[in-house]
Protein backbone atom coordinates (compact mmCIF):
# COMPACT_ATOMS: atom_id res chain seq x y z
CA MET A 1 -61.29 -41.32 -7.60
CA PRO A 2 -59.04 -40.04 -10.45
CA VAL A 3 -60.52 -37.45 -12.79
CA PRO A 4 -60.13 -37.37 -16.60
CA GLN A 5 -56.99 -35.63 -17.78
CA ASP A 6 -58.94 -33.12 -19.84
CA SER A 7 -60.79 -31.89 -16.72
CA ILE A 8 -57.57 -30.72 -15.02
CA PRO A 9 -56.84 -27.00 -15.48
CA ALA A 10 -53.91 -26.12 -17.69
CA THR A 11 -52.21 -24.31 -14.85
CA PHE A 12 -52.21 -27.45 -12.69
CA PRO A 13 -48.82 -29.22 -13.05
CA SER A 14 -48.77 -32.87 -13.96
CA ALA A 15 -46.39 -35.56 -12.76
CA ALA A 16 -44.25 -35.15 -15.86
CA SER A 17 -43.58 -31.48 -15.04
CA VAL A 18 -41.96 -32.37 -11.71
CA PRO A 19 -38.19 -32.94 -12.08
CA VAL A 20 -37.04 -36.49 -11.44
CA SER A 21 -34.04 -35.29 -9.46
CA ALA A 22 -33.27 -32.15 -7.57
CA PRO A 23 -30.14 -30.67 -5.95
CA GLY A 24 -29.41 -32.35 -2.66
CA GLN A 25 -31.86 -35.18 -3.33
CA TYR A 26 -31.26 -38.10 -1.00
CA ASN A 27 -30.29 -41.30 -2.79
CA ARG A 28 -29.52 -44.76 -1.47
CA PRO A 29 -29.06 -47.46 -4.14
CA ASP A 30 -30.91 -50.71 -3.49
CA SER A 31 -32.75 -49.22 -0.51
CA TYR A 32 -36.19 -50.21 0.75
CA ILE A 33 -37.82 -47.77 -1.66
CA ASP A 34 -35.86 -49.03 -4.66
CA ARG A 35 -36.81 -52.64 -3.89
CA ARG A 36 -40.52 -51.76 -3.64
CA LEU A 37 -40.87 -49.88 -6.93
CA ARG A 38 -43.32 -51.35 -9.39
CA ILE A 39 -42.59 -51.81 -13.08
CA GLY A 40 -42.57 -48.41 -14.74
CA GLU A 41 -42.95 -46.53 -11.45
CA GLN A 42 -40.85 -43.39 -11.30
CA ILE A 43 -39.45 -41.62 -8.22
CA LEU A 44 -40.21 -37.91 -8.33
CA TYR A 45 -38.80 -36.87 -4.96
CA ARG A 46 -37.20 -38.69 -2.08
CA THR A 47 -35.80 -37.70 1.27
CA ARG A 48 -34.62 -39.02 4.61
CA LEU A 49 -34.85 -37.71 8.16
CA HIS A 50 -33.02 -34.50 9.05
CA ARG A 51 -29.48 -34.71 10.41
CA VAL A 52 -30.60 -32.89 13.55
CA LEU A 53 -31.39 -36.38 14.87
CA LEU A 54 -27.66 -37.10 14.91
CA PHE A 55 -27.24 -34.11 17.19
CA TYR A 56 -29.95 -35.44 19.52
CA ALA A 57 -28.23 -38.85 19.58
CA PHE A 58 -24.91 -37.16 20.39
CA LEU A 59 -26.50 -35.25 23.29
CA ASN A 60 -27.95 -38.48 24.72
CA LEU A 61 -24.57 -40.19 24.46
CA ILE A 62 -22.84 -37.27 26.19
CA ALA A 63 -25.42 -37.16 28.97
CA GLY A 64 -25.34 -40.93 29.52
CA GLY A 65 -21.55 -41.10 29.41
CA ALA A 66 -21.12 -38.18 31.80
CA LEU A 67 -23.63 -39.69 34.24
CA PHE A 68 -21.93 -43.08 34.13
CA LEU A 69 -18.42 -41.70 34.62
CA PHE A 70 -19.54 -39.41 37.45
CA TYR A 71 -21.16 -42.22 39.42
CA LYS A 72 -18.31 -44.59 38.61
CA GLU A 73 -15.93 -42.17 40.31
CA LEU A 74 -18.42 -41.51 43.09
CA ALA A 75 -18.90 -45.24 43.76
CA ALA A 76 -15.17 -45.68 44.41
CA LEU A 77 -15.02 -42.97 47.09
CA PRO A 78 -14.87 -43.93 50.81
CA ALA A 79 -18.26 -44.57 52.35
CA THR A 80 -17.39 -42.36 55.32
CA LEU A 81 -17.97 -39.30 53.12
CA ALA A 82 -21.66 -40.18 52.93
CA GLU A 83 -22.05 -42.03 56.24
CA PRO A 84 -19.56 -41.17 59.01
CA SER A 85 -20.41 -44.37 60.89
CA ALA A 86 -19.49 -46.61 57.93
CA PRO A 87 -16.64 -49.13 58.48
CA PRO A 88 -13.18 -47.99 57.30
CA GLY A 89 -12.26 -49.19 53.82
CA GLN A 90 -15.88 -49.48 52.66
CA THR A 91 -16.77 -47.67 49.43
CA ILE A 92 -19.98 -45.89 48.53
CA MET A 93 -20.69 -48.71 46.07
CA GLU A 94 -20.57 -51.20 48.94
CA LEU A 95 -22.62 -48.92 51.17
CA SER A 96 -25.45 -48.16 48.71
CA PRO A 97 -25.16 -50.44 45.67
CA LEU A 98 -28.80 -50.03 44.65
CA ASP A 99 -28.50 -46.23 44.47
CA VAL A 100 -25.38 -46.45 42.29
CA TRP A 101 -26.87 -49.09 40.01
CA PHE A 102 -30.00 -46.98 39.65
CA PHE A 103 -27.96 -44.15 38.12
CA TYR A 104 -26.04 -46.65 36.00
CA PHE A 105 -29.43 -47.74 34.68
CA ILE A 106 -30.38 -44.12 33.92
CA ALA A 107 -27.11 -43.74 31.99
CA PHE A 108 -27.93 -46.94 30.10
CA LEU A 109 -31.34 -45.50 29.16
CA PHE A 110 -29.61 -42.42 27.70
CA GLY A 111 -27.41 -44.71 25.60
CA LEU A 112 -30.43 -46.74 24.54
CA ALA A 113 -32.21 -43.56 23.48
CA ALA A 114 -29.18 -42.56 21.38
CA LEU A 115 -29.16 -46.01 19.72
CA GLN A 116 -32.87 -45.75 18.99
CA ILE A 117 -32.37 -42.35 17.35
CA LEU A 118 -29.48 -43.63 15.22
CA ILE A 119 -31.49 -46.65 14.05
CA ARG A 120 -34.42 -44.39 13.24
CA PHE A 121 -32.21 -42.05 11.26
CA SER A 122 -30.49 -44.82 9.29
CA THR A 123 -33.59 -46.86 8.40
CA SER A 124 -36.25 -44.21 7.73
CA GLU A 125 -36.78 -42.86 4.22
CA LEU A 126 -39.67 -41.38 2.27
CA ALA A 127 -40.35 -40.88 -1.42
CA ILE A 128 -42.97 -39.48 -3.78
CA THR A 129 -43.50 -41.50 -6.93
CA ASP A 130 -45.87 -40.95 -9.81
CA LYS A 131 -48.29 -43.44 -8.20
CA ARG A 132 -47.93 -43.22 -4.40
CA VAL A 133 -46.05 -42.08 -1.30
CA LEU A 134 -43.63 -44.85 -0.43
CA GLY A 135 -41.14 -45.47 2.31
CA ARG A 136 -40.34 -46.75 5.76
CA TYR A 137 -40.51 -44.78 9.00
CA GLY A 138 -39.58 -45.67 12.59
CA THR A 139 -37.01 -47.73 14.50
CA LEU A 140 -36.67 -51.51 14.89
CA TRP A 141 -40.41 -51.94 14.45
CA SER A 142 -40.65 -49.40 11.65
CA LYS A 143 -43.87 -48.89 9.75
CA THR A 144 -44.03 -49.20 5.99
CA VAL A 145 -45.53 -46.31 4.06
CA ASP A 146 -47.56 -47.14 0.97
CA ILE A 147 -50.28 -44.59 0.22
CA ALA A 148 -51.80 -44.28 -3.23
CA LEU A 149 -51.92 -40.72 -4.53
CA ALA A 150 -55.60 -41.11 -5.37
CA ASP A 151 -56.36 -41.85 -1.69
CA ILE A 152 -54.70 -38.71 -0.30
CA SER A 153 -57.20 -36.01 0.61
CA LEU A 154 -55.06 -33.57 2.59
CA VAL A 155 -51.38 -32.64 2.93
CA LYS A 156 -50.13 -30.39 5.72
CA SER A 157 -46.63 -29.28 6.66
CA ARG A 158 -45.24 -27.64 9.76
CA ARG A 159 -41.78 -26.12 9.55
CA PHE A 160 -39.20 -25.40 12.25
CA SER A 161 -36.86 -22.70 11.01
CA ILE A 162 -33.67 -23.74 12.81
CA PRO A 163 -32.84 -26.08 11.28
CA ASP A 164 -35.10 -26.25 8.25
CA GLN A 165 -37.07 -29.35 9.25
CA GLY A 166 -40.60 -30.13 10.34
CA THR A 167 -43.60 -32.41 10.16
CA ILE A 168 -45.62 -33.73 7.24
CA THR A 169 -49.21 -34.87 7.88
CA LEU A 170 -51.14 -36.87 5.28
CA ALA A 171 -54.86 -37.58 5.52
CA TYR A 172 -56.06 -40.43 3.35
CA ILE A 173 -59.01 -42.76 3.07
CA PRO A 174 -60.47 -44.53 4.89
CA ARG A 175 -60.22 -41.97 7.70
CA ARG A 176 -56.52 -42.41 8.38
CA TYR A 177 -53.63 -40.09 9.12
CA ALA A 178 -49.88 -40.46 8.71
CA ILE A 179 -47.50 -38.11 10.52
CA PHE A 180 -43.82 -37.90 9.59
CA GLN A 181 -41.49 -35.87 11.83
CA TYR A 182 -38.00 -34.44 11.29
CA ILE A 183 -38.50 -34.16 7.51
CA PRO A 184 -36.00 -31.72 5.92
CA HIS A 185 -37.60 -28.93 3.89
CA PRO A 186 -41.19 -29.99 4.68
CA LYS A 187 -42.70 -27.18 2.61
CA GLU A 188 -40.90 -28.39 -0.50
CA PHE A 189 -42.11 -31.94 0.16
CA ARG A 190 -45.71 -30.69 0.50
CA LEU A 191 -45.55 -28.54 -2.64
CA ARG A 192 -44.13 -31.38 -4.73
CA LEU A 193 -46.80 -33.76 -3.47
CA ASP A 194 -49.59 -31.22 -3.99
CA SER A 195 -48.43 -30.67 -7.58
CA ILE A 196 -49.17 -34.26 -8.62
CA LEU A 197 -52.31 -34.95 -6.57
CA PRO A 198 -55.66 -35.01 -8.40
CA VAL A 199 -57.65 -31.78 -8.36
CA VAL A 200 -60.75 -33.53 -7.04
CA ARG A 201 -59.62 -35.38 -3.93
CA PRO A 202 -61.51 -37.98 -1.92
CA ARG A 203 -63.27 -36.90 1.23
CA ILE A 204 -62.35 -38.49 4.52
CA ALA A 205 -65.39 -40.02 6.16
CA ARG A 206 -66.36 -37.92 9.13
CA ILE A 207 -66.90 -39.36 12.56
CA ASN A 208 -70.34 -38.71 13.97
CA ALA A 209 -69.86 -36.85 17.23
CA TRP A 210 -72.84 -38.49 18.90
CA LYS A 211 -71.45 -41.96 18.13
CA VAL A 212 -68.10 -41.07 19.65
CA PHE A 213 -69.83 -39.59 22.68
CA SER A 214 -72.00 -42.70 23.08
CA VAL A 215 -69.03 -45.05 22.83
CA VAL A 216 -67.07 -42.99 25.36
CA LEU A 217 -70.02 -43.03 27.77
CA ILE A 218 -70.44 -46.79 27.40
CA VAL A 219 -66.72 -47.43 27.97
CA LEU A 220 -66.67 -45.14 31.01
CA GLY A 221 -69.81 -46.81 32.33
CA VAL A 222 -68.29 -50.29 31.97
CA ILE A 223 -65.09 -49.14 33.69
CA ALA A 224 -67.06 -47.50 36.51
CA ALA A 225 -69.23 -50.60 36.95
CA GLY A 226 -66.13 -52.81 37.08
CA ILE A 227 -64.43 -50.60 39.65
CA PHE A 228 -67.57 -50.44 41.79
CA THR A 229 -68.07 -54.21 41.62
CA LEU A 230 -64.45 -54.84 42.58
CA PHE A 231 -64.71 -52.33 45.42
CA TYR A 232 -68.03 -53.72 46.62
CA PHE A 233 -66.91 -57.35 46.79
CA THR A 234 -63.47 -56.66 48.34
CA GLY A 235 -64.66 -55.01 51.53
CA GLY A 236 -66.21 -51.89 50.03
CA ARG A 237 -69.69 -52.95 51.06
CA GLU A 238 -68.69 -52.70 54.71
CA LEU A 239 -67.10 -49.29 54.14
CA MET A 240 -70.36 -48.03 52.67
CA MET A 241 -72.38 -49.07 55.73
CA PRO A 242 -73.16 -46.43 58.39
CA VAL A 243 -71.07 -46.28 61.57
CA GLU A 244 -72.25 -49.00 63.96
CA PRO A 245 -72.00 -48.52 67.76
CA VAL A 246 -70.58 -51.74 69.25
CA THR A 247 -69.41 -53.07 72.60
CA PHE A 248 -66.73 -55.56 73.54
CA GLY A 249 -69.44 -58.21 73.63
CA THR A 250 -70.97 -57.46 70.22
CA ILE A 251 -67.99 -56.43 68.06
CA SER A 252 -67.27 -60.06 67.11
CA GLN A 253 -70.60 -60.16 65.24
CA TYR A 254 -69.34 -57.71 62.58
CA PRO A 255 -66.98 -58.37 59.65
CA ASP A 256 -63.72 -56.65 58.79
CA GLN A 257 -63.87 -53.16 57.26
CA ARG A 258 -67.12 -52.29 59.05
CA ARG A 259 -66.92 -48.81 60.55
CA VAL A 260 -67.75 -48.94 64.23
CA THR A 261 -67.70 -46.81 67.37
CA ILE A 262 -66.51 -48.38 70.60
CA GLU A 263 -65.74 -47.02 74.07
CA GLY A 264 -63.17 -48.11 76.62
CA THR A 265 -60.04 -47.21 78.54
CA LEU A 266 -56.73 -46.67 76.77
CA HIS A 267 -53.83 -48.74 78.06
CA LEU A 268 -50.18 -48.54 77.02
CA PRO A 269 -48.60 -52.02 76.76
CA THR A 270 -45.01 -52.69 77.75
CA ARG A 271 -44.04 -53.31 74.13
CA VAL A 272 -45.36 -51.12 71.32
CA ARG A 273 -44.78 -51.38 67.58
CA CYS A 274 -44.94 -48.04 65.78
CA ASP A 275 -44.53 -46.95 62.17
CA GLU A 276 -47.34 -44.88 60.67
CA TYR A 277 -49.44 -45.80 63.69
CA CYS A 278 -48.91 -47.27 67.16
CA GLY A 279 -50.69 -50.31 68.53
CA VAL A 280 -52.12 -49.85 72.04
CA ILE A 281 -54.90 -51.55 74.01
CA LEU A 282 -58.53 -50.51 74.58
CA VAL A 283 -59.97 -52.12 77.73
CA ASP A 284 -63.65 -52.61 78.60
CA TYR A 285 -64.99 -50.26 81.26
CA THR A 286 -66.71 -52.92 83.34
CA ASN A 287 -64.62 -56.01 82.59
CA PRO A 288 -60.83 -55.40 82.46
CA GLU A 289 -60.34 -58.92 81.09
CA LEU A 290 -61.95 -57.84 77.81
CA SER A 291 -59.63 -55.82 75.58
CA ILE A 292 -58.92 -55.18 71.92
CA PRO A 293 -55.85 -53.83 70.08
CA VAL A 294 -56.32 -50.42 68.50
CA PHE A 295 -53.96 -48.70 66.06
CA ILE A 296 -53.74 -44.91 66.38
CA ASN A 297 -52.05 -42.73 63.75
CA VAL A 298 -48.87 -40.86 64.72
CA PRO A 299 -47.63 -37.58 63.16
CA ASP A 300 -44.93 -37.63 60.50
CA TYR A 301 -41.37 -36.94 61.57
CA GLY A 302 -40.93 -33.31 62.60
CA GLU A 303 -44.66 -32.51 62.51
CA THR A 304 -46.81 -31.48 65.48
CA LEU A 305 -49.40 -33.70 67.13
CA GLU A 306 -52.76 -33.25 65.40
CA PRO A 307 -56.24 -34.13 66.73
CA ASN A 308 -57.08 -37.86 66.62
CA GLN A 309 -53.40 -38.77 66.75
CA MET A 310 -51.00 -40.29 69.25
CA ASP A 311 -47.63 -38.73 69.98
CA THR A 312 -44.57 -40.68 68.79
CA LEU A 313 -42.99 -42.70 71.59
CA PRO A 314 -39.27 -42.46 72.31
CA THR A 315 -37.08 -45.55 72.12
CA ILE A 316 -37.24 -45.94 75.90
CA PHE A 317 -40.67 -44.76 77.03
CA ASP A 318 -42.74 -44.52 80.17
CA TYR A 319 -46.45 -44.02 80.80
CA GLU A 320 -45.96 -40.24 80.87
CA ASP A 321 -44.88 -40.42 77.20
CA PHE A 322 -48.26 -41.84 76.18
CA ARG A 323 -50.08 -38.77 74.82
CA VAL A 324 -53.22 -38.83 72.66
CA ARG A 325 -54.88 -35.70 71.31
CA LEU A 326 -58.66 -35.98 71.22
CA ASN A 327 -60.77 -34.50 68.45
CA ASP A 328 -61.40 -31.38 70.56
CA GLY A 329 -57.65 -30.87 71.14
CA VAL A 330 -57.50 -32.15 74.75
CA ILE A 331 -54.43 -34.30 75.56
CA VAL A 332 -55.11 -37.56 77.41
CA GLY A 333 -52.86 -40.43 78.44
CA ASP A 334 -52.85 -43.87 80.00
CA GLU A 335 -56.13 -45.06 81.55
CA ALA A 336 -58.12 -42.33 79.73
CA ALA A 337 -61.73 -43.11 78.81
CA VAL A 338 -62.23 -42.60 75.07
CA ARG A 339 -64.68 -43.33 72.28
CA LEU A 340 -62.99 -44.47 69.03
CA THR A 341 -64.38 -44.54 65.49
CA GLY A 342 -62.54 -46.77 63.02
CA HIS A 343 -62.62 -49.97 60.97
CA ILE A 344 -62.67 -53.52 62.26
CA CYS A 345 -59.58 -55.52 61.35
CA HIS A 346 -57.64 -58.63 62.36
CA THR A 347 -54.01 -58.69 63.45
CA ILE A 348 -51.64 -60.64 61.21
CA GLU A 349 -49.66 -62.40 63.93
CA SER A 350 -52.36 -63.56 66.35
CA ASN A 351 -55.44 -63.10 64.12
CA VAL A 352 -57.42 -61.28 66.81
CA GLN A 353 -59.99 -58.61 66.12
CA CYS A 354 -58.69 -55.03 66.25
CA ILE A 355 -59.56 -51.44 65.30
CA SER A 356 -57.55 -49.58 62.63
CA GLY A 357 -58.03 -46.55 60.42
CA ILE A 358 -59.16 -44.52 63.41
CA THR A 359 -60.56 -41.19 62.25
CA LEU A 360 -62.18 -39.90 65.45
CA ILE A 361 -61.06 -40.03 69.09
CA GLU A 362 -63.46 -38.45 71.59
CA ALA A 363 -63.78 -38.40 75.36
CA GLY A 364 -65.55 -41.49 76.65
CA ASN A 365 -68.48 -41.70 79.04
CA PRO A 366 -67.72 -44.54 81.48
CA PRO A 367 -70.59 -45.90 83.57
């Protein structure tokens, strides 16, 4: 709320004492600011973003151009340099087009960043008038700045010495903040604005900490409840159940994702599909006609065989290559009696019940 003129100390400068123009003052006739001036409104100080942004745009253009030219030359090289088995006459572009286009896309992003900086530099401007702070700040979707002087409660500046540019922060009612970066001579901007602001400034309404804490707790609670509900109704309920001992005759009574323990004899089929795990067969002790596919994890390439894992099979394998390390470290192979703990699943191709996600492989106890 403005105060009477006679209540302002004599040492406090008024708007009239601030020069209308200053050396190096930015001026753009018929700009956004000029078109938004009210009748009788006077510009006391105006500026634009610092030219250091042009340097940043230039760096982005150089980086993007260098990346594009490098991969353009690389894409034209013979593919045999990267893959000796590639057909003669094939280029790297023909061998790995996605990899080359990925780096082209990165180069495009550098160019896009440079364009964004140039647009921001050319469209952003800021001014102090005798009534408000006025301007436009941003890129294509720039924000208009129109803050009455009587609403400003706090002005802060942060200066970067090389070059002389920094950040201006304005706090104004109702509980809002405006931050302007890359402003040249930010201290001068702050001093000029401080010189015309009322002595008694409005207070920004404070946020009650307990209200913020309550809202955060409620939001986190709603998110947690949603995640738990989604988990519970998409198989999580079965994962939360205790491990259930089952047999080949009773496993069909349980749904997918239920954690179970089952015993049987491991059997290596003639054809095995392996990626992160290998699919083998678990056969009933007493009835060899009853079996179920089980999927046992294999170690990553180059890593040693860990407990509860199956050794990676070679391209052409035999029964001697079937090696499974039990939880106690013992190595077993084909026809070994084991007890597995994992989750019930169904195979995609034949839709038969199976065991996956095996976390424990122990020695079995056949009758």
